[in-house]
Protein backbone atom coordinates (compact mmCIF):
# COMPACT_ATOMS: atom_id res chain seq x y z
CA MET A 1 -34.21 23.40 -21.60
CA LYS A 2 -35.29 21.29 -18.62
CA THR A 3 -33.69 18.26 -20.24
CA ILE A 4 -30.40 20.13 -20.72
CA LYS A 5 -30.39 21.35 -17.11
CA LYS A 6 -31.13 17.85 -15.87
CA THR A 7 -28.29 16.43 -17.97
CA ILE A 8 -25.84 19.03 -16.62
CA PHE A 9 -26.97 18.33 -13.06
CA LEU A 10 -26.54 14.56 -13.46
CA PHE A 11 -23.11 15.05 -15.03
CA SER A 12 -22.03 17.22 -12.09
CA LEU A 13 -23.11 14.50 -9.66
CA ILE A 14 -21.08 11.89 -11.52
CA PHE A 15 -18.09 14.20 -11.72
CA THR A 16 -18.06 14.99 -8.00
CA SER A 17 -18.54 11.37 -6.96
CA ALA A 18 -15.42 10.10 -8.74
CA ILE A 19 -12.56 12.55 -9.21
CA THR A 20 -9.06 11.67 -10.32
CA ALA A 21 -6.29 14.08 -9.35
CA GLN A 22 -2.72 13.99 -10.63
CA ASN A 23 0.18 14.78 -8.34
CA GLN A 24 3.85 14.54 -9.29
CA ALA A 25 4.40 11.62 -6.91
CA PHE A 26 1.08 9.84 -7.34
CA LYS A 27 -2.34 9.73 -8.95
CA VAL A 28 -5.33 9.67 -6.63
CA LYS A 29 -8.92 8.70 -7.36
CA VAL A 30 -11.61 10.05 -5.02
CA VAL A 31 -14.80 8.02 -4.82
CA GLY A 32 -17.79 8.15 -2.46
CA LYS A 33 -18.99 10.40 0.34
CA GLY A 34 -18.49 10.25 4.10
CA ASP A 35 -15.59 9.97 6.51
CA PRO A 36 -12.30 9.89 4.57
CA ILE A 37 -10.20 6.78 3.99
CA LEU A 38 -6.74 6.81 2.39
CA LEU A 39 -5.99 3.57 0.53
CA PHE A 40 -2.30 2.97 -0.19
CA PRO A 41 -1.40 0.05 -2.52
CA GLY A 42 1.61 -2.21 -2.34
CA PHE A 43 4.80 -2.01 -4.40
CA THR A 44 4.13 -1.91 -8.20
CA CYS A 45 0.34 -2.12 -7.63
CA THR A 46 -2.20 0.36 -8.97
CA ASP A 47 -5.39 1.58 -7.33
CA ALA A 48 -7.13 -1.42 -8.93
CA VAL A 49 -5.86 -3.63 -6.09
CA TRP A 50 -8.61 -2.04 -3.95
CA GLU A 51 -11.30 -2.39 -6.62
CA ASP A 52 -13.48 -4.99 -4.88
CA ILE A 53 -13.44 -3.55 -1.38
CA MET A 54 -13.86 0.00 -2.67
CA VAL A 55 -17.35 -0.89 -3.89
CA GLU A 56 -18.38 -1.38 -0.25
CA LEU A 57 -16.22 1.31 1.33
CA SER A 58 -17.41 4.07 -1.00
CA LYS A 59 -21.04 3.57 0.06
CA ASN A 60 -20.37 5.38 3.34
CA HIS A 61 -16.85 6.78 3.01
CA GLU A 62 -14.89 9.18 0.85
CA CYS A 63 -12.13 6.95 -0.53
CA HIS A 64 -8.85 8.47 -1.70
CA VAL A 65 -7.25 5.65 -3.70
CA PHE A 66 -3.62 6.06 -4.74
CA THR A 67 -1.29 4.85 -7.49
CA PHE A 68 2.31 5.84 -6.87
CA ALA A 69 4.78 7.28 -9.39
CA GLY A 70 6.40 4.75 -11.71
CA PHE A 71 3.54 2.25 -11.37
CA GLY A 72 0.59 1.70 -13.68
CA ASP A 73 0.26 4.72 -15.97
CA VAL A 74 1.79 7.22 -13.52
CA LYS A 75 5.04 8.75 -14.72
CA PRO A 76 8.21 8.04 -12.70
CA ILE A 77 9.91 10.65 -10.53
CA GLU A 78 13.53 11.24 -9.60
CA LYS A 79 14.93 9.41 -6.59
CA PRO A 80 14.80 9.28 -3.63
CA TRP A 81 11.41 7.85 -4.58
CA LEU A 82 9.95 6.81 -1.22
CA PRO A 83 10.79 9.98 0.76
CA LYS A 84 9.23 12.05 -2.05
CA ILE A 85 6.09 9.90 -1.95
CA LYS A 86 5.82 10.46 1.81
CA GLU A 87 6.39 14.21 1.57
CA ASN A 88 3.82 14.59 -1.21
CA LEU A 89 1.31 12.55 0.78
CA GLN A 90 1.77 14.87 3.75
CA GLU A 91 1.12 17.85 1.48
CA TYR A 92 -1.97 16.21 -0.03
CA ILE A 93 -3.36 15.35 3.41
CA SER A 94 -2.81 18.91 4.65
CA GLU A 95 -4.21 20.60 1.54
CA ASN A 96 -7.36 18.44 1.59
CA THR A 97 -7.88 18.55 5.38
CA LEU A 98 -7.56 14.77 5.75
CA GLU A 99 -5.67 14.72 9.04
CA ASN A 100 -8.46 12.69 10.69
CA ALA A 101 -8.66 10.09 7.93
CA THR A 102 -8.41 6.33 8.34
CA ILE A 103 -5.41 4.78 6.56
CA ILE A 104 -5.66 1.36 4.93
CA GLY A 105 -2.32 0.27 3.51
CA HIS A 106 -1.11 -2.97 1.95
CA SER A 107 2.56 -3.99 2.01
CA LEU A 108 4.54 -0.87 1.01
CA GLY A 109 1.33 1.10 1.57
CA GLY A 110 1.09 -0.17 5.14
CA THR A 111 4.71 0.77 5.82
CA LEU A 112 4.01 4.24 4.42
CA GLY A 113 1.03 4.52 6.74
CA LEU A 114 3.23 3.67 9.73
CA TRP A 115 5.75 6.29 8.61
CA LEU A 116 3.07 8.99 8.37
CA ALA A 117 1.49 8.06 11.71
CA SER A 118 4.87 8.08 13.46
CA GLU A 119 5.15 11.79 12.60
CA THR A 120 1.60 12.87 13.45
CA ASN A 121 -1.13 11.46 15.65
CA THR A 122 -4.10 13.11 13.98
CA PHE A 123 -5.27 10.09 11.96
CA LYS A 124 -8.41 8.35 13.15
CA LYS A 125 -7.12 4.78 12.87
CA MET A 126 -4.98 2.51 10.72
CA ILE A 127 -5.54 -0.87 9.11
CA ILE A 128 -2.21 -2.39 8.07
CA VAL A 129 -2.40 -5.27 5.59
CA ASP A 130 0.57 -7.67 5.65
CA ALA A 131 3.12 -4.90 6.14
CA LEU A 132 6.13 -4.44 8.39
CA PRO A 133 8.00 -1.45 9.82
CA SER A 134 11.28 -2.85 8.44
CA VAL A 135 11.21 -5.00 5.31
CA GLY A 136 15.00 -4.89 5.17
CA ALA A 137 15.36 -6.48 8.61
CA LEU A 138 13.14 -9.35 7.49
CA MET A 139 15.01 -10.03 4.26
CA ILE A 140 18.65 -9.22 4.97
CA PRO A 141 20.87 -10.92 7.59
CA ASP A 142 22.72 -8.47 9.87
CA PHE A 143 20.61 -5.67 8.42
CA LYS A 144 21.83 -2.09 8.73
CA SER A 145 19.86 0.69 7.10
CA GLU A 146 22.99 2.66 6.20
CA ASN A 147 24.23 -0.24 4.07
CA MET A 148 21.28 0.05 1.69
CA VAL A 149 22.67 2.03 -1.27
CA TYR A 150 21.45 2.44 -4.84
CA GLU A 151 24.67 1.33 -6.50
CA ASN A 152 25.14 -2.35 -5.72
CA PRO A 153 25.61 -5.54 -7.77
CA TRP A 154 22.01 -6.76 -7.32
CA ASN A 155 20.53 -3.48 -8.52
CA GLU A 156 22.89 -3.42 -11.49
CA GLN A 157 21.79 -6.94 -12.39
CA LEU A 158 18.11 -6.00 -12.22
CA LEU A 159 18.59 -2.87 -14.33
CA SER A 160 20.48 -4.77 -17.04
CA MET A 161 18.22 -7.85 -17.01
CA ASP A 162 16.68 -8.62 -20.42
CA GLU A 163 12.90 -8.72 -20.80
CA GLU A 164 12.66 -12.52 -20.93
CA SER A 165 14.64 -12.97 -17.72
CA PHE A 166 12.70 -10.21 -15.97
CA ASP A 167 9.43 -11.82 -17.08
CA THR A 168 10.56 -15.15 -15.59
CA MET A 169 11.48 -13.46 -12.32
CA ALA A 170 8.14 -11.62 -12.19
CA THR A 171 6.28 -14.90 -12.75
CA GLN A 172 8.10 -16.57 -9.86
CA MET A 173 7.52 -13.62 -7.54
CA ALA A 174 3.81 -13.39 -8.35
CA MET A 175 3.32 -17.10 -7.65
CA GLY A 176 4.40 -16.52 -4.06
CA MET A 177 2.18 -13.49 -3.50
CA SER A 178 -1.24 -15.02 -4.13
CA LEU A 179 -2.61 -18.55 -4.19
CA LYS A 180 -5.00 -17.75 -7.04
CA PRO A 181 -3.53 -18.16 -10.56
CA GLU A 182 -5.70 -15.43 -12.10
CA LYS A 183 -4.51 -12.96 -9.46
CA GLN A 184 -0.90 -14.07 -9.93
CA LYS A 185 -1.20 -12.91 -13.54
CA GLN A 186 -2.43 -9.49 -12.46
CA ILE A 187 0.39 -9.12 -9.94
CA LYS A 188 2.93 -10.16 -12.57
CA ASP A 189 1.51 -7.65 -15.06
CA TRP A 190 1.91 -4.85 -12.53
CA ILE A 191 5.55 -5.81 -11.97
CA LEU A 192 6.24 -5.82 -15.71
CA GLN A 193 4.39 -2.53 -16.22
CA ALA A 194 6.41 -0.74 -13.54
CA ASP A 195 9.17 1.65 -14.55
CA ARG A 196 12.35 -0.40 -14.16
CA GLN A 197 14.38 2.25 -12.31
CA THR A 198 11.48 2.89 -9.93
CA TYR A 199 11.22 -0.85 -9.35
CA VAL A 200 14.91 -1.13 -8.50
CA TYR A 201 15.68 2.10 -6.66
CA GLY A 202 12.24 2.42 -5.08
CA TYR A 203 12.61 -1.00 -3.51
CA THR A 204 16.03 0.01 -2.22
CA ASP A 205 14.29 2.94 -0.51
CA LEU A 206 11.83 0.52 1.07
CA LEU A 207 14.60 -1.81 2.26
CA LYS A 208 16.48 1.14 3.74
CA LEU A 209 13.49 2.41 5.74
CA ASP A 210 13.54 1.13 9.32
CA LEU A 211 10.61 2.25 11.48
CA ARG A 212 10.96 -0.30 14.28
CA GLU A 213 11.94 2.40 16.79
CA ASP A 214 9.75 5.15 15.32
CA ILE A 215 6.49 3.21 15.68
CA ALA A 216 6.74 3.80 19.44
CA LYS A 217 5.50 7.34 18.66
CA ILE A 218 2.24 6.10 17.10
CA LYS A 219 -0.77 6.84 19.28
CA VAL A 220 -3.66 6.09 16.90
CA PRO A 221 -5.39 2.67 16.96
CA VAL A 222 -3.66 0.14 14.69
CA THR A 223 -5.12 -3.11 13.38
CA ILE A 224 -2.83 -5.50 11.51
CA LEU A 225 -4.14 -8.13 9.09
CA ALA A 226 -1.32 -10.62 8.54
CA ALA A 227 -0.89 -13.47 6.05
CA THR A 228 0.47 -16.84 7.18
CA HIS A 229 1.52 -18.39 3.84
CA PRO A 230 4.10 -19.77 3.14
CA TYR A 231 5.80 -20.07 6.55
CA GLY A 232 2.79 -20.82 8.74
CA LEU A 233 1.00 -19.22 11.67
CA GLU A 234 3.70 -19.66 14.32
CA MET A 235 6.43 -18.10 12.19
CA ALA A 236 4.10 -15.21 11.30
CA LYS A 237 3.47 -14.60 15.00
CA ILE A 238 7.21 -14.51 15.70
CA THR A 239 7.92 -12.14 12.79
CA TYR A 240 5.15 -9.70 13.65
CA GLY A 241 5.90 -9.87 17.36
CA ASN A 242 9.54 -8.96 16.78
CA GLN A 243 8.83 -6.22 14.25
CA TYR A 244 6.03 -4.52 16.18
CA LYS A 245 7.34 -4.91 19.74
CA ASN A 246 7.80 -1.13 20.11
CA LEU A 247 4.25 -0.29 19.02
CA LYS A 248 2.47 0.29 22.32
CA THR A 249 -1.05 -0.80 21.39
CA TYR A 250 -2.29 -2.77 18.40
CA SER A 251 -4.51 -5.69 17.51
CA ILE A 252 -3.57 -8.36 14.99
CA GLU A 253 -5.61 -10.87 13.02
CA TYR A 254 -4.03 -13.71 11.04
CA ALA A 255 -5.42 -14.68 7.65
CA GLU A 256 -4.62 -18.38 7.80
CA GLY A 257 -4.13 -19.97 4.41
CA SER A 258 -3.52 -16.65 2.68
CA ALA A 259 -0.46 -15.35 0.89
CA HIS A 260 0.62 -11.70 0.77
CA PHE A 261 -2.42 -10.40 -1.16
CA ILE A 262 -5.04 -11.14 1.49
CA MET A 263 -7.67 -9.16 -0.39
CA TYR A 264 -7.33 -11.71 -3.23
CA ASP A 265 -6.86 -14.96 -1.33
CA LYS A 266 -9.48 -14.39 1.39
CA PRO A 267 -11.75 -11.62 0.07
CA GLU A 268 -14.75 -12.32 2.33
CA TRP A 269 -12.57 -12.55 5.44
CA PHE A 270 -10.72 -9.38 4.42
CA LEU A 271 -13.90 -7.38 3.82
CA GLU A 272 -15.39 -8.54 7.11
CA LYS A 273 -12.30 -7.53 9.13
CA VAL A 274 -11.99 -4.13 7.45
CA MET A 275 -15.66 -3.24 7.83
CA LEU A 276 -15.68 -4.39 11.45
CA ASN A 277 -12.69 -2.20 12.27
CA LEU A 278 -14.24 0.82 10.59
CA GLU A 279 -17.28 0.53 12.84
CA TYR A 280 -15.27 1.10 16.02
């Protein structure tokens, strides 16, 4: 009887230390105990992108690690994809009393964090990893948010692209996102695994979102970790300076010699900067 009780007790400890919850717009894994951290991955990525740093974070923090709809093994949702993700995140945060959490977001996840923080100032702090308030303004000349529509020739081409051509495109994209070949393969696999309509229309949502004015409302401390590859440090400084000029107070650190996935290209540097920011 004692053995059975002990087994049940140990099982309950394991169960409460790592819980996976399913929401229509995302899947979330909860690991660790302590002050809460919300970890938002980049576009097409799963929660596994945070795997290495989560080992350290979960020692003293309760980590809520997300995979968004249409990525990994999470079923897709109807568009508009990104607004639904944001609304469901707000509900999750409210229902779980996470208003004072720290947000760590990479790429799309960082932009989402900025969006949430521009609408409420209850978060403790934010660590933004190679993310911008307006991806569209970076990528599109004479950018206007209202011009970003679902039905356009580029989206039609992506939706009709055969598997071989899409595989080639994914390979080329992944090569620019990390300098490590083994990580390029993982990034490519995530792109290929993504639901195609989510990949196309979800990215249109991201391009359409322009938070450059809204970030003026953010009052919580913001730390930005920015990559410099492939355009170099000076160009990175210009880009981030222009994009974040309306954010009243923030600090920025540049990961020199790193591509977009800083957690892969400079893991020790990344861990050090994140842990240091969590201490203050």
